[in-house]
C-alpha atoms as a PDB file:
ATOM      1  CA  UNK A   1     164.026  59.346  54.165  1.00  0.00           C
ATOM      2  CA  UNK A   2     165.872  58.776  57.428  1.00  0.00           C
ATOM      3  CA  UNK A   3     166.721  55.323  58.735  1.00  0.00           C
ATOM      4  CA  UNK A   4     164.181  55.816  61.533  1.00  0.00           C
ATOM      5  CA  UNK A   5     161.432  56.707  59.080  1.00  0.00           C
ATOM      6  CA  UNK A   6     162.315  53.728  56.891  1.00  0.00           C
ATOM      7  CA  UNK A   7     162.015  51.385  59.895  1.00  0.00           C
ATOM      8  CA  UNK A   8     158.671  52.915  60.868  1.00  0.00           C
ATOM      9  CA  UNK A   9     157.427  52.443  57.305  1.00  0.00           C
ATOM     10  CA  UNK A  10     158.583  48.808  57.245  1.00  0.00           C
ATOM     11  CA  UNK A  11     156.589  47.885  60.354  1.00  0.00           C
ATOM     12  CA  UNK A  12     153.576  49.851  59.171  1.00  0.00           C
ATOM     13  CA  UNK A  13     153.650  48.184  55.757  1.00  0.00           C
ATOM     14  CA  UNK A  14     153.931  44.699  57.277  1.00  0.00           C
ATOM     15  CA  UNK A  15     151.060  45.345  59.644  1.00  0.00           C
ATOM     16  CA  UNK A  16     148.888  46.704  56.843  1.00  0.00           C
ATOM     17  CA  UNK A  17     149.702  43.680  54.668  1.00  0.00           C
ATOM     18  CA  UNK A  18     148.570  41.271  57.387  1.00  0.00           C
ATOM     19  CA  UNK A  19     145.460  43.320  58.074  1.00  0.00           C
ATOM     20  CA  UNK A  20     144.665  43.247  54.357  1.00  0.00           C
ATOM     21  CA  UNK A  21     145.008  39.448  54.284  1.00  0.00           C
ATOM     22  CA  UNK A  22     142.543  39.207  57.164  1.00  0.00           C
ATOM     23  CA  UNK A  23     140.133  41.622  55.490  1.00  0.00           C
ATOM     24  CA  UNK A  24     140.220  39.795  52.160  1.00  0.00           C
ATOM     25  CA  UNK A  25     139.800  36.396  53.839  1.00  0.00           C
ATOM     26  CA  UNK A  26     136.831  37.643  55.856  1.00  0.00           C
ATOM     27  CA  UNK A  27     135.050  39.315  52.954  1.00  0.00           C
ATOM     28  CA  UNK A  28     135.555  36.229  50.777  1.00  0.00           C
ATOM     29  CA  UNK A  29     133.235  34.278  53.103  1.00  0.00           C
ATOM     30  CA  UNK A  30     130.837  37.089  53.935  1.00  0.00           C
ATOM     31  CA  UNK A  31     132.307  37.962  57.309  1.00  0.00           C
ATOM     32  CA  UNK A  32     133.145  41.397  58.668  1.00  0.00           C
ATOM     33  CA  UNK A  33     136.890  41.929  59.214  1.00  0.00           C
ATOM     34  CA  UNK A  34     135.963  43.464  62.564  1.00  0.00           C
ATOM     35  CA  UNK A  35     135.057  39.969  63.788  1.00  0.00           C
ATOM     36  CA  UNK A  36     138.716  38.859  63.663  1.00  0.00           C
ATOM     37  CA  UNK A  37     141.372  40.121  66.045  1.00  0.00           C
ATOM     38  CA  UNK A  38     145.066  40.103  65.186  1.00  0.00           C
ATOM     39  CA  UNK A  39     147.470  38.813  67.815  1.00  0.00           C
ATOM     40  CA  UNK A  40     151.060  39.756  66.959  1.00  0.00           C
ATOM     41  CA  UNK A  41     153.348  36.898  68.039  1.00  0.00           C
ATOM     42  CA  UNK A  42     156.529  38.634  69.129  1.00  0.00           C
ATOM     43  CA  UNK A  43     158.506  35.731  70.581  1.00  0.00           C
ATOM     44  CA  UNK A  44     162.301  36.021  70.083  1.00  0.00           C
ATOM     45  CA  UNK A  45     161.981  39.616  68.868  1.00  0.00           C
ATOM     46  CA  UNK A  46     163.190  42.450  71.125  1.00  0.00           C
ATOM     47  CA  UNK A  47     161.025  44.942  72.960  1.00  0.00           C
ATOM     48  CA  UNK A  48     162.078  47.600  70.444  1.00  0.00           C
ATOM     49  CA  UNK A  49     160.367  45.611  67.677  1.00  0.00           C
ATOM     50  CA  UNK A  50     157.196  45.357  69.765  1.00  0.00           C
ATOM     51  CA  UNK A  51     157.347  49.113  70.349  1.00  0.00           C
ATOM     52  CA  UNK A  52     157.618  49.744  66.608  1.00  0.00           C
ATOM     53  CA  UNK A  53     154.659  47.498  65.787  1.00  0.00           C
ATOM     54  CA  UNK A  54     152.687  49.114  68.585  1.00  0.00           C
ATOM     55  CA  UNK A  55     153.500  52.545  67.153  1.00  0.00           C
ATOM     56  CA  UNK A  56     152.058  51.319  63.843  1.00  0.00           C
ATOM     57  CA  UNK A  57     148.777  50.586  65.597  1.00  0.00           C
ATOM     58  CA  UNK A  58     148.948  47.039  66.998  1.00  0.00           C
ATOM     59  CA  UNK A  59     147.822  46.525  70.606  1.00  0.00           C
ATOM     60  CA  UNK A  60     147.766  42.759  71.341  1.00  0.00           C
ATOM     61  CA  UNK A  61     150.983  40.721  71.542  1.00  0.00           C
ATOM     62  CA  UNK A  62     151.616  37.033  72.189  1.00  0.00           C
ATOM     63  CA  UNK A  63     154.653  35.520  73.891  1.00  0.00           C
ATOM     64  CA  UNK A  64     155.566  31.828  74.006  1.00  0.00           C
ATOM     65  CA  UNK A  65     158.427  32.121  76.487  1.00  0.00           C
ATOM     66  CA  UNK A  66     157.271  33.371  79.866  1.00  0.00           C
ATOM     67  CA  UNK A  67     160.458  35.018  81.115  1.00  0.00           C
ATOM     68  CA  UNK A  68     161.055  36.671  77.748  1.00  0.00           C
ATOM     69  CA  UNK A  69     157.508  37.987  77.809  1.00  0.00           C
ATOM     70  CA  UNK A  70     157.864  39.374  81.337  1.00  0.00           C
ATOM     71  CA  UNK A  71     161.079  41.140  80.337  1.00  0.00           C
ATOM     72  CA  UNK A  72     159.279  42.833  77.431  1.00  0.00           C
ATOM     73  CA  UNK A  73     156.330  43.787  79.589  1.00  0.00           C
ATOM     74  CA  UNK A  74     158.767  45.471  81.986  1.00  0.00           C
ATOM     75  CA  UNK A  75     160.681  47.177  79.179  1.00  0.00           C
ATOM     76  CA  UNK A  76     157.442  48.609  77.788  1.00  0.00           C
ATOM     77  CA  UNK A  77     155.919  49.535  81.121  1.00  0.00           C
ATOM     78  CA  UNK A  78     155.388  53.132  79.977  1.00  0.00           C
ATOM     79  CA  UNK A  79     152.698  51.930  77.556  1.00  0.00           C
ATOM     80  CA  UNK A  80     151.447  49.006  79.652  1.00  0.00           C
ATOM     81  CA  UNK A  81     147.930  50.376  79.738  1.00  0.00           C
ATOM     82  CA  UNK A  82     147.758  50.373  75.943  1.00  0.00           C
ATOM     83  CA  UNK A  83     149.047  46.830  75.399  1.00  0.00           C
ATOM     84  CA  UNK A  84     147.390  43.460  75.854  1.00  0.00           C
ATOM     85  CA  UNK A  85     149.762  40.583  76.598  1.00  0.00           C
ATOM     86  CA  UNK A  86     148.881  36.964  75.832  1.00  0.00           C
ATOM     87  CA  UNK A  87     150.801  33.934  77.082  1.00  0.00           C
ATOM     88  CA  UNK A  88     150.627  31.454  74.200  1.00  0.00           C
ATOM     89  CA  UNK A  89     153.272  28.947  75.260  1.00  0.00           C
ATOM     90  CA  UNK A  90     153.256  25.927  77.579  1.00  0.00           C
ATOM     91  CA  UNK A  91     153.065  26.688  81.294  1.00  0.00           C
ATOM     92  CA  UNK A  92     154.913  24.715  83.938  1.00  0.00           C
ATOM     93  CA  UNK A  93     153.568  24.663  87.487  1.00  0.00           C
ATOM     94  CA  UNK A  94     156.540  26.613  88.815  1.00  0.00           C
ATOM     95  CA  UNK A  95     155.811  29.509  86.446  1.00  0.00           C
ATOM     96  CA  UNK A  96     152.085  29.977  86.950  1.00  0.00           C
ATOM     97  CA  UNK A  97     152.608  32.840  89.417  1.00  0.00           C
ATOM     98  CA  UNK A  98     154.649  34.778  86.857  1.00  0.00           C
ATOM     99  CA  UNK A  99     151.890  34.364  84.295  1.00  0.00           C
ATOM    100  CA  UNK A 100     149.110  35.223  86.735  1.00  0.00           C
ATOM    101  CA  UNK A 101     150.863  38.390  87.862  1.00  0.00           C
ATOM    102  CA  UNK A 102     151.944  39.778  84.480  1.00  0.00           C
ATOM    103  CA  UNK A 103     149.768  38.635  81.579  1.00  0.00           C
ATOM    104  CA  UNK A 104     146.254  39.652  80.520  1.00  0.00           C
ATOM    105  CA  UNK A 105     145.398  36.436  78.667  1.00  0.00           C
ATOM    106  CA  UNK A 106     146.512  32.800  78.735  1.00  0.00           C
ATOM    107  CA  UNK A 107     145.697  30.740  75.642  1.00  0.00           C
ATOM    108  CA  UNK A 108     147.279  27.444  76.633  1.00  0.00           C
ATOM    109  CA  UNK A 109     145.334  26.097  79.605  1.00  0.00           C
ATOM    110  CA  UNK A 110     144.927  22.333  79.198  1.00  0.00           C
ATOM    111  CA  UNK A 111     144.959  21.040  82.780  1.00  0.00           C
ATOM    112  CA  UNK A 112     142.833  21.868  85.795  1.00  0.00           C
ATOM    113  CA  UNK A 113     145.938  21.946  88.002  1.00  0.00           C
ATOM    114  CA  UNK A 114     147.394  24.825  85.982  1.00  0.00           C
ATOM    115  CA  UNK A 115     144.064  26.644  85.911  1.00  0.00           C
ATOM    116  CA  UNK A 116     143.682  26.323  89.670  1.00  0.00           C
ATOM    117  CA  UNK A 117     147.153  27.729  90.286  1.00  0.00           C
ATOM    118  CA  UNK A 118     146.539  30.640  87.903  1.00  0.00           C
ATOM    119  CA  UNK A 119     143.272  31.375  89.696  1.00  0.00           C
ATOM    120  CA  UNK A 120     144.814  31.228  93.171  1.00  0.00           C
ATOM    121  CA  UNK A 121     147.822  33.356  92.179  1.00  0.00           C
ATOM    122  CA  UNK A 122     145.988  36.057  90.222  1.00  0.00           C
ATOM    123  CA  UNK A 123     146.383  39.278  92.266  1.00  0.00           C
ATOM    124  CA  UNK A 124     143.102  40.514  93.740  1.00  0.00           C
ATOM    125  CA  UNK A 125     143.660  44.038  92.446  1.00  0.00           C
ATOM    126  CA  UNK A 126     143.876  42.825  88.836  1.00  0.00           C
ATOM    127  CA  UNK A 127     140.969  41.950  86.578  1.00  0.00           C
ATOM    128  CA  UNK A 128     140.238  38.232  86.199  1.00  0.00           C
ATOM    129  CA  UNK A 129     142.689  36.504  83.897  1.00  0.00           C
ATOM    130  CA  UNK A 130     141.252  35.798  80.457  1.00  0.00           C
ATOM    131  CA  UNK A 131     141.879  32.178  79.503  1.00  0.00           C
ATOM    132  CA  UNK A 132     141.423  29.901  76.524  1.00  0.00           C
ATOM    133  CA  UNK A 133     141.467  26.124  76.654  1.00  0.00           C
ATOM    134  CA  UNK A 134     144.063  24.663  74.302  1.00  0.00           C
ATOM    135  CA  UNK A 135     142.478  21.735  72.483  1.00  0.00           C
ATOM    136  CA  UNK A 136     144.570  19.157  70.631  1.00  0.00           C
ATOM    137  CA  UNK A 137     142.005  19.183  67.870  1.00  0.00           C
ATOM    138  CA  UNK A 138     143.783  16.794  65.485  1.00  0.00           C
ATOM    139  CA  UNK A 139     145.148  14.472  68.198  1.00  0.00           C
ATOM    140  CA  UNK A 140     148.807  15.211  67.482  1.00  0.00           C
ATOM    141  CA  UNK A 141     150.885  12.779  69.507  1.00  0.00           C
ATOM    142  CA  UNK A 142     153.555  15.297  70.536  1.00  0.00           C
ATOM    143  CA  UNK A 143     151.405  18.386  71.047  1.00  0.00           C
ATOM    144  CA  UNK A 144     149.973  20.047  74.115  1.00  0.00           C
ATOM    145  CA  UNK A 145     146.271  20.421  74.569  1.00  0.00           C
ATOM    146  CA  UNK A 146     143.335  18.595  76.083  1.00  0.00           C
ATOM    147  CA  UNK A 147     141.535  16.101  73.874  1.00  0.00           C
ATOM    148  CA  UNK A 148     138.239  17.284  72.347  1.00  0.00           C
ATOM    149  CA  UNK A 149     136.369  14.644  74.351  1.00  0.00           C
ATOM    150  CA  UNK A 150     137.749  15.978  77.644  1.00  0.00           C
ATOM    151  CA  UNK A 151     137.578  19.691  76.835  1.00  0.00           C
ATOM    152  CA  UNK A 152     134.007  20.275  78.000  1.00  0.00           C
ATOM    153  CA  UNK A 153     134.633  18.905  81.481  1.00  0.00           C
ATOM    154  CA  UNK A 154     137.683  21.153  81.797  1.00  0.00           C
ATOM    155  CA  UNK A 155     135.637  24.137  80.606  1.00  0.00           C
ATOM    156  CA  UNK A 156     132.976  23.480  83.233  1.00  0.00           C
ATOM    157  CA  UNK A 157     135.638  23.326  85.957  1.00  0.00           C
ATOM    158  CA  UNK A 158     137.291  26.548  84.779  1.00  0.00           C
ATOM    159  CA  UNK A 159     134.025  28.454  84.851  1.00  0.00           C
ATOM    160  CA  UNK A 160     133.847  27.821  88.599  1.00  0.00           C
ATOM    161  CA  UNK A 161     137.160  29.604  89.234  1.00  0.00           C
ATOM    162  CA  UNK A 162     136.395  33.241  90.143  1.00  0.00           C
ATOM    163  CA  UNK A 163     139.754  34.778  89.206  1.00  0.00           C
ATOM    164  CA  UNK A 164     139.632  33.346  85.675  1.00  0.00           C
ATOM    165  CA  UNK A 165     137.361  34.303  82.797  1.00  0.00           C
ATOM    166  CA  UNK A 166     136.976  31.544  80.243  1.00  0.00           C
ATOM    167  CA  UNK A 167     136.750  33.179  76.808  1.00  0.00           C
ATOM    168  CA  UNK A 168     136.851  30.170  74.470  1.00  0.00           C
ATOM    169  CA  UNK A 169     139.397  27.829  72.946  1.00  0.00           C
ATOM    170  CA  UNK A 170     142.648  27.756  71.017  1.00  0.00           C
ATOM    171  CA  UNK A 171     144.154  25.129  68.739  1.00  0.00           C
ATOM    172  CA  UNK A 172     147.395  24.590  66.814  1.00  0.00           C
ATOM    173  CA  UNK A 173     146.795  21.858  64.234  1.00  0.00           C
ATOM    174  CA  UNK A 174     149.663  20.178  62.445  1.00  0.00           C
ATOM    175  CA  UNK A 175     150.390  21.638  58.976  1.00  0.00           C
ATOM    176  CA  UNK A 176     147.937  20.355  56.396  1.00  0.00           C
ATOM    177  CA  UNK A 177     148.628  19.666  52.704  1.00  0.00           C
ATOM    178  CA  UNK A 178     145.953  21.932  51.233  1.00  0.00           C
ATOM    179  CA  UNK A 179     143.144  24.394  51.857  1.00  0.00           C
ATOM    180  CA  UNK A 180     140.443  21.753  52.182  1.00  0.00           C
ATOM    181  CA  UNK A 181     142.399  19.833  54.809  1.00  0.00           C
ATOM    182  CA  UNK A 182     143.121  23.022  56.766  1.00  0.00           C
ATOM    183  CA  UNK A 183     139.445  23.958  56.776  1.00  0.00           C
ATOM    184  CA  UNK A 184     138.371  20.460  57.783  1.00  0.00           C
ATOM    185  CA  UNK A 185     140.507  20.566  60.934  1.00  0.00           C
ATOM    186  CA  UNK A 186     139.544  24.120  61.801  1.00  0.00           C
ATOM    187  CA  UNK A 187     135.851  23.294  61.416  1.00  0.00           C
ATOM    188  CA  UNK A 188     136.214  20.643  64.118  1.00  0.00           C
ATOM    189  CA  UNK A 189     137.365  23.348  66.519  1.00  0.00           C
ATOM    190  CA  UNK A 190     134.578  25.645  65.371  1.00  0.00           C
ATOM    191  CA  UNK A 191     131.996  22.905  65.978  1.00  0.00           C
ATOM    192  CA  UNK A 192     133.302  22.385  69.512  1.00  0.00           C
ATOM    193  CA  UNK A 193     133.239  26.134  70.174  1.00  0.00           C
ATOM    194  CA  UNK A 194     129.733  26.484  68.771  1.00  0.00           C
ATOM    195  CA  UNK A 195     128.580  23.593  70.927  1.00  0.00           C
ATOM    196  CA  UNK A 196     129.749  25.386  74.052  1.00  0.00           C
ATOM    197  CA  UNK A 197     128.044  28.607  73.038  1.00  0.00           C
ATOM    198  CA  UNK A 198     124.844  26.729  72.257  1.00  0.00           C
ATOM    199  CA  UNK A 199     124.739  25.772  75.939  1.00  0.00           C
ATOM    200  CA  UNK A 200     124.615  29.449  76.820  1.00  0.00           C
ATOM    201  CA  UNK A 201     128.243  29.734  77.843  1.00  0.00           C
ATOM    202  CA  UNK A 202     129.465  33.320  77.391  1.00  0.00           C
ATOM    203  CA  UNK A 203     132.441  32.658  75.125  1.00  0.00           C
ATOM    204  CA  UNK A 204     133.639  34.928  72.358  1.00  0.00           C
ATOM    205  CA  UNK A 205     137.111  33.806  71.267  1.00  0.00           C
ATOM    206  CA  UNK A 206     138.162  31.055  68.873  1.00  0.00           C
ATOM    207  CA  UNK A 207     141.917  31.439  68.458  1.00  0.00           C
ATOM    208  CA  UNK A 208     143.163  29.560  65.416  1.00  0.00           C
ATOM    209  CA  UNK A 209     145.213  30.357  62.350  1.00  0.00           C
ATOM    210  CA  UNK A 210     148.799  31.517  61.891  1.00  0.00           C
ATOM    211  CA  UNK A 211     150.818  33.075  59.071  1.00  0.00           C
ATOM    212  CA  UNK A 212     150.596  30.031  56.789  1.00  0.00           C
ATOM    213  CA  UNK A 213     146.912  29.233  57.221  1.00  0.00           C
ATOM    214  CA  UNK A 214     145.105  32.344  58.397  1.00  0.00           C
ATOM    215  CA  UNK A 215     142.813  32.406  55.336  1.00  0.00           C
ATOM    216  CA  UNK A 216     141.509  28.904  56.038  1.00  0.00           C
ATOM    217  CA  UNK A 217     141.105  29.752  59.720  1.00  0.00           C
ATOM    218  CA  UNK A 218     139.107  32.894  58.976  1.00  0.00           C
ATOM    219  CA  UNK A 219     136.937  30.984  56.488  1.00  0.00           C
ATOM    220  CA  UNK A 220     136.278  28.406  59.211  1.00  0.00           C
ATOM    221  CA  UNK A 221     135.198  30.904  61.865  1.00  0.00           C
ATOM    222  CA  UNK A 222     138.324  32.028  63.709  1.00  0.00           C
ATOM    223  CA  UNK A 223     137.906  35.186  65.781  1.00  0.00           C
ATOM    224  CA  UNK A 224     141.625  35.601  66.527  1.00  0.00           C
ATOM    225  CA  UNK A 225     144.632  34.807  64.351  1.00  0.00           C
ATOM    226  CA  UNK A 226     148.134  34.533  65.803  1.00  0.00           C
ATOM    227  CA  UNK A 227     150.587  36.040  63.334  1.00  0.00           C
ATOM    228  CA  UNK A 228     154.353  36.019  63.787  1.00  0.00           C
ATOM    229  CA  UNK A 229     156.592  35.575  60.755  1.00  0.00           C
ATOM    230  CA  UNK A 230     154.321  37.452  58.334  1.00  0.00           C
ATOM    231  CA  UNK A 231     154.602  40.445  60.626  1.00  0.00           C
ATOM    232  CA  UNK A 232     158.010  40.230  62.306  1.00  0.00           C
ATOM    233  CA  UNK A 233     159.941  38.152  59.767  1.00  0.00           C
ATOM    234  CA  UNK A 234     161.910  34.955  60.252  1.00  0.00           C
ATOM    235  CA  UNK A 235     163.014  34.129  63.772  1.00  0.00           C
ATOM    236  CA  UNK A 236     166.267  33.166  65.394  1.00  0.00           C
ATOM    237  CA  UNK A 237     165.756  30.899  68.419  1.00  0.00           C
ATOM    238  CA  UNK A 238     169.309  31.192  69.766  1.00  0.00           C
ATOM    239  CA  UNK A 239     168.299  33.561  72.559  1.00  0.00           C
ATOM    240  CA  UNK A 240     164.882  32.123  73.436  1.00  0.00           C
ATOM    241  CA  UNK A 241     164.223  31.343  77.095  1.00  0.00           C
END
């Protein structure tokens, strides 16, 4: 086996392992694996790694660092039509234009000011920007996200912005000590999401769960899991921007 073939096999095996975890978690609670999308979190990994994972069959990628994400989007422009890019990091006001012009999804909207700027700066020739509201579901003191009590008002405001398409919510709870605690937090997000849908709001995405807790997230109703280390390996943050 050549080095190139060995690398291809590595990425394929990692992707299949994550997909199998999702499938097993879904079937354990009577869900179809097709209900859960995999977002590959590629932050700090080079465009070549994204290309390899894409070649193995993955289409959606998440980037926390905006400039790093834009650089990868440019490097992989030849397959831009096949890839779906999600901004999953915090957004400063001076970077909203970059996000609006380059990404397909934003999962971290937690202020109307940011949403308004994304709406106003989304190019007219592009499809509306898919957005999720980031909810600080467990009230972490140092985390981003709107409080659960304020999330509905923000959602109502976002739905009035024509260049945005509100798809649902995202949360990043603090690590929990066990399965039951993980599920308890995730169910709070699911209840909020279900409450919005019960009002007739056309939302389809509940983004929660990462490498360490994807099984609990899937059991609690997640429709999108954000997987980094289980797919790409351990990160080095020395070059992050």
